[in-house]
Amino acid sequence: MFSNIGLPEILIILLIVLILFGAKRIPEVAGSLGKGINEFKRNMSEAQRAITEPPRDETRSIGAERDVPRPTPATPEEEEARQPKRLLG
């Protein structure tokens, strides 16, 4: 289906992307895409590992829940970093 994609077709696609997102947004979009691909690969490898490795024995005593550290509240900078970037608008 995609065997006939050549240089002219790729240039047309890149021109359309440039028109839609603008020159300033393309690096942000590419970075977000790269991060998404890395996250997908990491999750796939974790899922593969969970399937192939035997489950760990996690028998605990009743009082063991108290030993688990509680997560600390996020600072405003961390909260802002967690928010997804707006690509358009």
PDB file of N, CA and C in Angstrom:
ATOM      1  N   MET A   1       0.816  -1.184   0.000  1.00  0.00           N
ATOM      2  CA  MET A   1       0.000   0.000   0.000  1.00  0.00           C
ATOM      3  C   MET A   1       0.867   1.257   0.000  1.00  0.00           C
ATOM      4  N   PHE A   2       1.900   1.300   0.869  1.00  0.00           N
ATOM      5  CA  PHE A   2       2.752   2.472   0.957  1.00  0.00           C
ATOM      6  C   PHE A   2       4.069   2.283   0.199  1.00  0.00           C
ATOM      7  N   SER A   3       4.134   1.346  -0.711  1.00  0.00           N
ATOM      8  CA  SER A   3       5.392   1.068  -1.391  1.00  0.00           C
ATOM      9  C   SER A   3       5.742   2.134  -2.417  1.00  0.00           C
ATOM     10  N   ASN A   4       4.798   2.977  -2.819  1.00  0.00           N
ATOM     11  CA  ASN A   4       5.070   3.984  -3.838  1.00  0.00           C
ATOM     12  C   ASN A   4       5.300   5.370  -3.255  1.00  0.00           C
ATOM     13  N   ILE A   5       5.612   5.474  -1.970  1.00  0.00           N
ATOM     14  CA  ILE A   5       5.892   6.777  -1.372  1.00  0.00           C
ATOM     15  C   ILE A   5       7.331   7.141  -1.702  1.00  0.00           C
ATOM     16  N   GLY A   6       7.481   8.239  -2.394  1.00  0.00           N
ATOM     17  CA  GLY A   6       8.799   8.698  -2.785  1.00  0.00           C
ATOM     18  C   GLY A   6       9.100  10.057  -2.193  1.00  0.00           C
ATOM     19  N   LEU A   7      10.151  10.686  -2.682  1.00  0.00           N
ATOM     20  CA  LEU A   7      10.572  11.981  -2.181  1.00  0.00           C
ATOM     21  C   LEU A   7       9.506  13.062  -2.385  1.00  0.00           C
ATOM     22  N   PRO A   8       8.856  13.152  -3.551  1.00  0.00           N
ATOM     23  CA  PRO A   8       7.832  14.206  -3.696  1.00  0.00           C
ATOM     24  C   PRO A   8       6.678  14.066  -2.696  1.00  0.00           C
ATOM     25  N   GLU A   9       6.251  12.846  -2.433  1.00  0.00           N
ATOM     26  CA  GLU A   9       5.153  12.642  -1.489  1.00  0.00           C
ATOM     27  C   GLU A   9       5.564  13.015  -0.071  1.00  0.00           C
ATOM     28  N   ILE A  10       6.787  12.667   0.300  1.00  0.00           N
ATOM     29  CA  ILE A  10       7.286  13.007   1.637  1.00  0.00           C
ATOM     30  C   ILE A  10       7.386  14.522   1.784  1.00  0.00           C
ATOM     31  N   LEU A  11       7.863  15.213   0.752  1.00  0.00           N
ATOM     32  CA  LEU A  11       7.958  16.670   0.809  1.00  0.00           C
ATOM     33  C   LEU A  11       6.576  17.308   0.936  1.00  0.00           C
ATOM     34  N   ILE A  12       5.582  16.785   0.252  1.00  0.00           N
ATOM     35  CA  ILE A  12       4.216  17.316   0.367  1.00  0.00           C
ATOM     36  C   ILE A  12       3.696  17.114   1.783  1.00  0.00           C
ATOM     37  N   ILE A  13       3.933  15.946   2.365  1.00  0.00           N
ATOM     38  CA  ILE A  13       3.490  15.680   3.743  1.00  0.00           C
ATOM     39  C   ILE A  13       4.169  16.635   4.709  1.00  0.00           C
ATOM     40  N   LEU A  14       5.471  16.840   4.562  1.00  0.00           N
ATOM     41  CA  LEU A  14       6.199  17.760   5.438  1.00  0.00           C
ATOM     42  C   LEU A  14       5.701  19.196   5.277  1.00  0.00           C
ATOM     43  N   LEU A  15       5.373  19.603   4.069  1.00  0.00           N
ATOM     44  CA  LEU A  15       4.839  20.937   3.840  1.00  0.00           C
ATOM     45  C   LEU A  15       3.480  21.106   4.529  1.00  0.00           C
ATOM     46  N   ILE A  16       2.633  20.100   4.455  1.00  0.00           N
ATOM     47  CA  ILE A  16       1.326  20.155   5.127  1.00  0.00           C
ATOM     48  C   ILE A  16       1.507  20.236   6.637  1.00  0.00           C
ATOM     49  N   VAL A  17       2.437  19.457   7.184  1.00  0.00           N
ATOM     50  CA  VAL A  17       2.702  19.511   8.628  1.00  0.00           C
ATOM     51  C   VAL A  17       3.209  20.886   9.020  1.00  0.00           C
ATOM     52  N   LEU A  18       4.097  21.465   8.205  1.00  0.00           N
ATOM     53  CA  LEU A  18       4.620  22.802   8.482  1.00  0.00           C
ATOM     54  C   LEU A  18       3.506  23.835   8.475  1.00  0.00           C
ATOM     55  N   ILE A  19       2.574  23.720   7.546  1.00  0.00           N
ATOM     56  CA  ILE A  19       1.458  24.665   7.468  1.00  0.00           C
ATOM     57  C   ILE A  19       0.521  24.487   8.663  1.00  0.00           C
ATOM     58  N   LEU A  20       0.241  23.246   9.041  1.00  0.00           N
ATOM     59  CA  LEU A  20      -0.697  22.996  10.143  1.00  0.00           C
ATOM     60  C   LEU A  20      -0.143  23.434  11.490  1.00  0.00           C
ATOM     61  N   PHE A  21       1.111  23.100  11.787  1.00  0.00           N
ATOM     62  CA  PHE A  21       1.653  23.325  13.122  1.00  0.00           C
ATOM     63  C   PHE A  21       2.525  24.571  13.224  1.00  0.00           C
ATOM     64  N   GLY A  22       3.105  25.024  12.151  1.00  0.00           N
ATOM     65  CA  GLY A  22       4.000  26.169  12.211  1.00  0.00           C
ATOM     66  C   GLY A  22       5.402  25.718  12.583  1.00  0.00           C
ATOM     67  N   ALA A  23       6.375  26.572  12.265  1.00  0.00           N
ATOM     68  CA  ALA A  23       7.775  26.216  12.465  1.00  0.00           C
ATOM     69  C   ALA A  23       8.146  26.101  13.942  1.00  0.00           C
ATOM     70  N   LYS A  24       7.490  26.864  14.804  1.00  0.00           N
ATOM     71  CA  LYS A  24       7.837  26.840  16.238  1.00  0.00           C
ATOM     72  C   LYS A  24       7.332  25.578  16.928  1.00  0.00           C
ATOM     73  N   ARG A  25       6.230  25.031  16.456  1.00  0.00           N
ATOM     74  CA  ARG A  25       5.610  23.880  17.118  1.00  0.00           C
ATOM     75  C   ARG A  25       6.176  22.533  16.682  1.00  0.00           C
ATOM     76  N   ILE A  26       6.811  22.466  15.538  1.00  0.00           N
ATOM     77  CA  ILE A  26       7.290  21.177  15.025  1.00  0.00           C
ATOM     78  C   ILE A  26       8.273  20.500  15.972  1.00  0.00           C
ATOM     79  N   PRO A  27       9.270  21.213  16.560  1.00  0.00           N
ATOM     80  CA  PRO A  27      10.156  20.528  17.525  1.00  0.00           C
ATOM     81  C   PRO A  27       9.413  20.010  18.756  1.00  0.00           C
ATOM     82  N   GLU A  28       8.409  20.763  19.219  1.00  0.00           N
ATOM     83  CA  GLU A  28       7.623  20.303  20.367  1.00  0.00           C
ATOM     84  C   GLU A  28       6.829  19.056  20.022  1.00  0.00           C
ATOM     85  N   VAL A  29       6.231  19.052  18.835  1.00  0.00           N
ATOM     86  CA  VAL A  29       5.452  17.891  18.401  1.00  0.00           C
ATOM     87  C   VAL A  29       6.366  16.678  18.249  1.00  0.00           C
ATOM     88  N   ALA A  30       7.544  16.886  17.648  1.00  0.00           N
ATOM     89  CA  ALA A  30       8.480  15.780  17.467  1.00  0.00           C
ATOM     90  C   ALA A  30       8.980  15.257  18.813  1.00  0.00           C
ATOM     91  N   GLY A  31       9.244  16.162  19.758  1.00  0.00           N
ATOM     92  CA  GLY A  31       9.677  15.728  21.088  1.00  0.00           C
ATOM     93  C   GLY A  31       8.601  14.942  21.806  1.00  0.00           C
ATOM     94  N   SER A  32       7.371  15.417  21.713  1.00  0.00           N
ATOM     95  CA  SER A  32       6.257  14.702  22.337  1.00  0.00           C
ATOM     96  C   SER A  32       6.059  13.332  21.700  1.00  0.00           C
ATOM     97  N   LEU A  33       6.202  13.274  20.388  1.00  0.00           N
ATOM     98  CA  LEU A  33       6.080  12.001  19.688  1.00  0.00           C
ATOM     99  C   LEU A  33       7.183  11.043  20.120  1.00  0.00           C
ATOM    100  N   GLY A  34       8.403  11.537  20.239  1.00  0.00           N
ATOM    101  CA  GLY A  34       9.517  10.697  20.690  1.00  0.00           C
ATOM    102  C   GLY A  34       9.316  10.184  22.108  1.00  0.00           C
ATOM    103  N   LYS A  35       8.846  11.056  22.999  1.00  0.00           N
ATOM    104  CA  LYS A  35       8.575  10.633  24.373  1.00  0.00           C
ATOM    105  C   LYS A  35       7.467   9.592  24.413  1.00  0.00           C
ATOM    106  N   GLY A  36       6.463   9.781  23.591  1.00  0.00           N
ATOM    107  CA  GLY A  36       5.366   8.812  23.536  1.00  0.00           C
ATOM    108  C   GLY A  36       5.829   7.454  23.037  1.00  0.00           C
ATOM    109  N   ILE A  37       6.689   7.462  22.029  1.00  0.00           N
ATOM    110  CA  ILE A  37       7.218   6.203  21.503  1.00  0.00           C
ATOM    111  C   ILE A  37       8.077   5.511  22.555  1.00  0.00           C
ATOM    112  N   ASN A  38       8.917   6.272  23.254  1.00  0.00           N
ATOM    113  CA  ASN A  38       9.755   5.676  24.313  1.00  0.00           C
ATOM    114  C   ASN A  38       8.897   5.094  25.432  1.00  0.00           C
ATOM    115  N   GLU A  39       7.871   5.810  25.832  1.00  0.00           N
ATOM    116  CA  GLU A  39       6.972   5.316  26.883  1.00  0.00           C
ATOM    117  C   GLU A  39       6.263   4.040  26.428  1.00  0.00           C
ATOM    118  N   PHE A  40       5.831   4.012  25.162  1.00  0.00           N
ATOM    119  CA  PHE A  40       5.181   2.822  24.628  1.00  0.00           C
ATOM    120  C   PHE A  40       6.139   1.636  24.634  1.00  0.00           C
ATOM    121  N   LYS A  41       7.376   1.842  24.205  1.00  0.00           N
ATOM    122  CA  LYS A  41       8.355   0.756  24.194  1.00  0.00           C
ATOM    123  C   LYS A  41       8.637   0.258  25.610  1.00  0.00           C
ATOM    124  N   ARG A  42       8.754   1.186  26.563  1.00  0.00           N
ATOM    125  CA  ARG A  42       9.018   0.797  27.952  1.00  0.00           C
ATOM    126  C   ARG A  42       7.862  -0.031  28.502  1.00  0.00           C
ATOM    127  N   ASN A  43       6.636   0.402  28.240  1.00  0.00           N
ATOM    128  CA  ASN A  43       5.474  -0.342  28.722  1.00  0.00           C
ATOM    129  C   ASN A  43       5.363  -1.708  28.059  1.00  0.00           C
ATOM    130  N   MET A  44       5.710  -1.787  26.784  1.00  0.00           N
ATOM    131  CA  MET A  44       5.678  -3.078  26.094  1.00  0.00           C
ATOM    132  C   MET A  44       6.701  -4.037  26.697  1.00  0.00           C
ATOM    133  N   SER A  45       7.902  -3.534  27.006  1.00  0.00           N
ATOM    134  CA  SER A  45       8.916  -4.419  27.588  1.00  0.00           C
ATOM    135  C   SER A  45       8.512  -4.844  29.002  1.00  0.00           C
ATOM    136  N   GLU A  46       7.887  -3.936  29.764  1.00  0.00           N
ATOM    137  CA  GLU A  46       7.409  -4.304  31.098  1.00  0.00           C
ATOM    138  C   GLU A  46       6.301  -5.353  31.012  1.00  0.00           C
ATOM    139  N   ALA A  47       5.411  -5.202  30.046  1.00  0.00           N
ATOM    140  CA  ALA A  47       4.341  -6.184  29.875  1.00  0.00           C
ATOM    141  C   ALA A  47       4.919  -7.532  29.456  1.00  0.00           C
ATOM    142  N   GLN A  48       5.901  -7.516  28.561  1.00  0.00           N
ATOM    143  CA  GLN A  48       6.550  -8.762  28.136  1.00  0.00           C
ATOM    144  C   GLN A  48       7.239  -9.428  29.324  1.00  0.00           C
ATOM    145  N   ARG A  49       7.905  -8.625  30.154  1.00  0.00           N
ATOM    146  CA  ARG A  49       8.582  -9.167  31.326  1.00  0.00           C
ATOM    147  C   ARG A  49       7.578  -9.741  32.313  1.00  0.00           C
ATOM    148  N   ALA A  50       6.441  -9.077  32.477  1.00  0.00           N
ATOM    149  CA  ALA A  50       5.413  -9.567  33.400  1.00  0.00           C
ATOM    150  C   ALA A  50       4.833 -10.884  32.918  1.00  0.00           C
ATOM    151  N   ILE A  51       4.767 -11.056  31.607  1.00  0.00           N
ATOM    152  CA  ILE A  51       4.219 -12.295  31.065  1.00  0.00           C
ATOM    153  C   ILE A  51       5.216 -13.434  31.197  1.00  0.00           C
ATOM    154  N   THR A  52       6.494 -13.161  30.928  1.00  0.00           N
ATOM    155  CA  THR A  52       7.487 -14.240  30.891  1.00  0.00           C
ATOM    156  C   THR A  52       8.049 -14.601  32.256  1.00  0.00           C
ATOM    157  N   GLU A  53       8.142 -13.643  33.179  1.00  0.00           N
ATOM    158  CA  GLU A  53       8.708 -13.934  34.501  1.00  0.00           C
ATOM    159  C   GLU A  53       7.627 -14.461  35.434  1.00  0.00           C
ATOM    160  N   PRO A  54       8.012 -15.350  36.326  1.00  0.00           N
ATOM    161  CA  PRO A  54       7.027 -15.827  37.317  1.00  0.00           C
ATOM    162  C   PRO A  54       6.708 -14.716  38.313  1.00  0.00           C
ATOM    163  N   PRO A  55       5.516 -14.716  38.868  1.00  0.00           N
ATOM    164  CA  PRO A  55       5.161 -13.669  39.830  1.00  0.00           C
ATOM    165  C   PRO A  55       5.988 -13.785  41.102  1.00  0.00           C
ATOM    166  N   ARG A  56       6.264 -12.624  41.698  1.00  0.00           N
ATOM    167  CA  ARG A  56       7.020 -12.610  42.948  1.00  0.00           C
ATOM    168  C   ARG A  56       6.103 -12.985  44.106  1.00  0.00           C
ATOM    169  N   ASP A  57       6.693 -13.611  45.113  1.00  0.00           N
ATOM    170  CA  ASP A  57       5.931 -13.960  46.307  1.00  0.00           C
ATOM    171  C   ASP A  57       5.862 -12.732  47.198  1.00  0.00           C
ATOM    172  N   GLU A  58       4.698 -12.151  47.303  1.00  0.00           N
ATOM    173  CA  GLU A  58       4.537 -10.920  48.070  1.00  0.00           C
ATOM    174  C   GLU A  58       3.677 -11.151  49.311  1.00  0.00           C
ATOM    175  N   THR A  59       3.969 -12.206  50.043  1.00  0.00           N
ATOM    176  CA  THR A  59       3.233 -12.439  51.274  1.00  0.00           C
ATOM    177  C   THR A  59       3.761 -11.503  52.333  1.00  0.00           C
ATOM    178  N   ARG A  60       2.861 -10.775  52.957  1.00  0.00           N
ATOM    179  CA  ARG A  60       3.244  -9.811  53.988  1.00  0.00           C
ATOM    180  C   ARG A  60       2.403 -10.041  55.227  1.00  0.00           C
ATOM    181  N   SER A  61       2.894  -9.532  56.290  1.00  0.00           N
ATOM    182  CA  SER A  61       2.112  -9.593  57.518  1.00  0.00           C
ATOM    183  C   SER A  61       1.074  -8.478  57.504  1.00  0.00           C
ATOM    184  N   ILE A  62       0.151  -8.516  58.423  1.00  0.00           N
ATOM    185  CA  ILE A  62      -0.942  -7.547  58.458  1.00  0.00           C
ATOM    186  C   ILE A  62      -0.409  -6.144  58.725  1.00  0.00           C
ATOM    187  N   GLY A  63       0.599  -5.988  59.533  1.00  0.00           N
ATOM    188  CA  GLY A  63       1.132  -4.668  59.870  1.00  0.00           C
ATOM    189  C   GLY A  63       2.088  -4.116  58.835  1.00  0.00           C
ATOM    190  N   ALA A  64       2.340  -4.800  57.746  1.00  0.00           N
ATOM    191  CA  ALA A  64       3.331  -4.354  56.767  1.00  0.00           C
ATOM    192  C   ALA A  64       2.889  -3.109  56.015  1.00  0.00           C
ATOM    193  N   GLU A  65       1.589  -2.824  55.944  1.00  0.00           N
ATOM    194  CA  GLU A  65       1.128  -1.659  55.207  1.00  0.00           C
ATOM    195  C   GLU A  65       1.640  -0.373  55.840  1.00  0.00           C
ATOM    196  N   ARG A  66       1.875  -0.374  57.139  1.00  0.00           N
ATOM    197  CA  ARG A  66       2.346   0.827  57.810  1.00  0.00           C
ATOM    198  C   ARG A  66       3.773   1.175  57.424  1.00  0.00           C
ATOM    199  N   ASP A  67       4.546   0.221  56.914  1.00  0.00           N
ATOM    200  CA  ASP A  67       5.931   0.467  56.563  1.00  0.00           C
ATOM    201  C   ASP A  67       6.096   1.076  55.176  1.00  0.00           C
ATOM    202  N   VAL A  68       5.029   1.142  54.410  1.00  0.00           N
ATOM    203  CA  VAL A  68       5.107   1.675  53.053  1.00  0.00           C
ATOM    204  C   VAL A  68       5.179   3.193  53.126  1.00  0.00           C
ATOM    205  N   PRO A  69       6.206   3.816  52.501  1.00  0.00           N
ATOM    206  CA  PRO A  69       6.280   5.280  52.555  1.00  0.00           C
ATOM    207  C   PRO A  69       5.176   5.922  51.729  1.00  0.00           C
ATOM    208  N   ARG A  70       4.656   7.007  52.231  1.00  0.00           N
ATOM    209  CA  ARG A  70       3.602   7.741  51.548  1.00  0.00           C
ATOM    210  C   ARG A  70       4.234   8.697  50.535  1.00  0.00           C
ATOM    211  N   PRO A  71       3.597   8.884  49.370  1.00  0.00           N
ATOM    212  CA  PRO A  71       4.147   9.837  48.398  1.00  0.00           C
ATOM    213  C   PRO A  71       4.015  11.258  48.915  1.00  0.00           C
ATOM    214  N   THR A  72       5.012  12.074  48.629  1.00  0.00           N
ATOM    215  CA  THR A  72       4.980  13.460  49.058  1.00  0.00           C
ATOM    216  C   THR A  72       4.179  14.275  48.049  1.00  0.00           C
ATOM    217  N   PRO A  73       3.537  15.332  48.496  1.00  0.00           N
ATOM    218  CA  PRO A  73       2.783  16.166  47.552  1.00  0.00           C
ATOM    219  C   PRO A  73       3.731  16.802  46.541  1.00  0.00           C
ATOM    220  N   ALA A  74       3.249  16.966  45.334  1.00  0.00           N
ATOM    221  CA  ALA A  74       4.068  17.523  44.261  1.00  0.00           C
ATOM    222  C   ALA A  74       4.160  19.037  44.410  1.00  0.00           C
ATOM    223  N   THR A  75       5.319  19.575  44.053  1.00  0.00           N
ATOM    224  CA  THR A  75       5.494  21.023  44.048  1.00  0.00           C
ATOM    225  C   THR A  75       4.790  21.588  42.828  1.00  0.00           C
ATOM    226  N   PRO A  76       4.526  22.893  42.791  1.00  0.00           N
ATOM    227  CA  PRO A  76       3.867  23.475  41.610  1.00  0.00           C
ATOM    228  C   PRO A  76       4.660  23.239  40.318  1.00  0.00           C
ATOM    229  N   GLU A  77       5.990  23.227  40.410  1.00  0.00           N
ATOM    230  CA  GLU A  77       6.800  22.987  39.215  1.00  0.00           C
ATOM    231  C   GLU A  77       6.592  21.562  38.701  1.00  0.00           C
ATOM    232  N   GLU A  78       6.516  20.598  39.621  1.00  0.00           N
ATOM    233  CA  GLU A  78       6.296  19.216  39.219  1.00  0.00           C
ATOM    234  C   GLU A  78       4.891  19.035  38.633  1.00  0.00           C
ATOM    235  N   GLU A  79       3.916  19.724  39.217  1.00  0.00           N
ATOM    236  CA  GLU A  79       2.556  19.643  38.688  1.00  0.00           C
ATOM    237  C   GLU A  79       2.497  20.209  37.277  1.00  0.00           C
ATOM    238  N   GLU A  80       3.204  21.320  37.048  1.00  0.00           N
ATOM    239  CA  GLU A  80       3.214  21.920  35.716  1.00  0.00           C
ATOM    240  C   GLU A  80       3.908  21.006  34.715  1.00  0.00           C
ATOM    241  N   ALA A  81       4.971  20.309  35.146  1.00  0.00           N
ATOM    242  CA  ALA A  81       5.691  19.408  34.252  1.00  0.00           C
ATOM    243  C   ALA A  81       4.827  18.202  33.892  1.00  0.00           C
ATOM    244  N   ARG A  82       3.919  17.792  34.763  1.00  0.00           N
ATOM    245  CA  ARG A  82       3.058  16.644  34.495  1.00  0.00           C
ATOM    246  C   ARG A  82       1.949  16.968  33.501  1.00  0.00           C
ATOM    247  N   GLN A  83       1.584  18.253  33.406  1.00  0.00           N
ATOM    248  CA  GLN A  83       0.494  18.634  32.529  1.00  0.00           C
ATOM    249  C   GLN A  83       0.929  18.469  31.075  1.00  0.00           C
ATOM    250  N   PRO A  84       0.058  17.930  30.215  1.00  0.00           N
ATOM    251  CA  PRO A  84       0.433  17.784  28.805  1.00  0.00           C
ATOM    252  C   PRO A  84       0.516  19.147  28.139  1.00  0.00           C
ATOM    253  N   LYS A  85       1.455  19.252  27.206  1.00  0.00           N
ATOM    254  CA  LYS A  85       1.607  20.499  26.471  1.00  0.00           C
ATOM    255  C   LYS A  85       0.491  20.609  25.440  1.00  0.00           C
ATOM    256  N   ARG A  86       0.024  21.801  25.243  1.00  0.00           N
ATOM    257  CA  ARG A  86      -1.017  22.026  24.232  1.00  0.00           C
ATOM    258  C   ARG A  86      -0.314  22.202  22.896  1.00  0.00           C
ATOM    259  N   LEU A  87      -0.694  21.394  21.927  1.00  0.00           N
ATOM    260  CA  LEU A  87      -0.069  21.445  20.622  1.00  0.00           C
ATOM    261  C   LEU A  87      -0.675  22.529  19.736  1.00  0.00           C
ATOM    262  N   LEU A  88      -1.957  22.713  19.836  1.00  0.00           N
ATOM    263  CA  LEU A  88      -2.634  23.714  19.032  1.00  0.00           C
ATOM    264  C   LEU A  88      -3.350  24.691  19.926  1.00  0.00           C
ATOM    265  N   GLY A  89      -3.421  25.921  19.511  1.00  0.00           N
ATOM    266  CA  GLY A  89      -4.235  26.869  20.245  1.00  0.00           C
ATOM    267  C   GLY A  89      -3.473  27.802  21.009  1.00  0.00           C
TER     268      GLY A  89
END
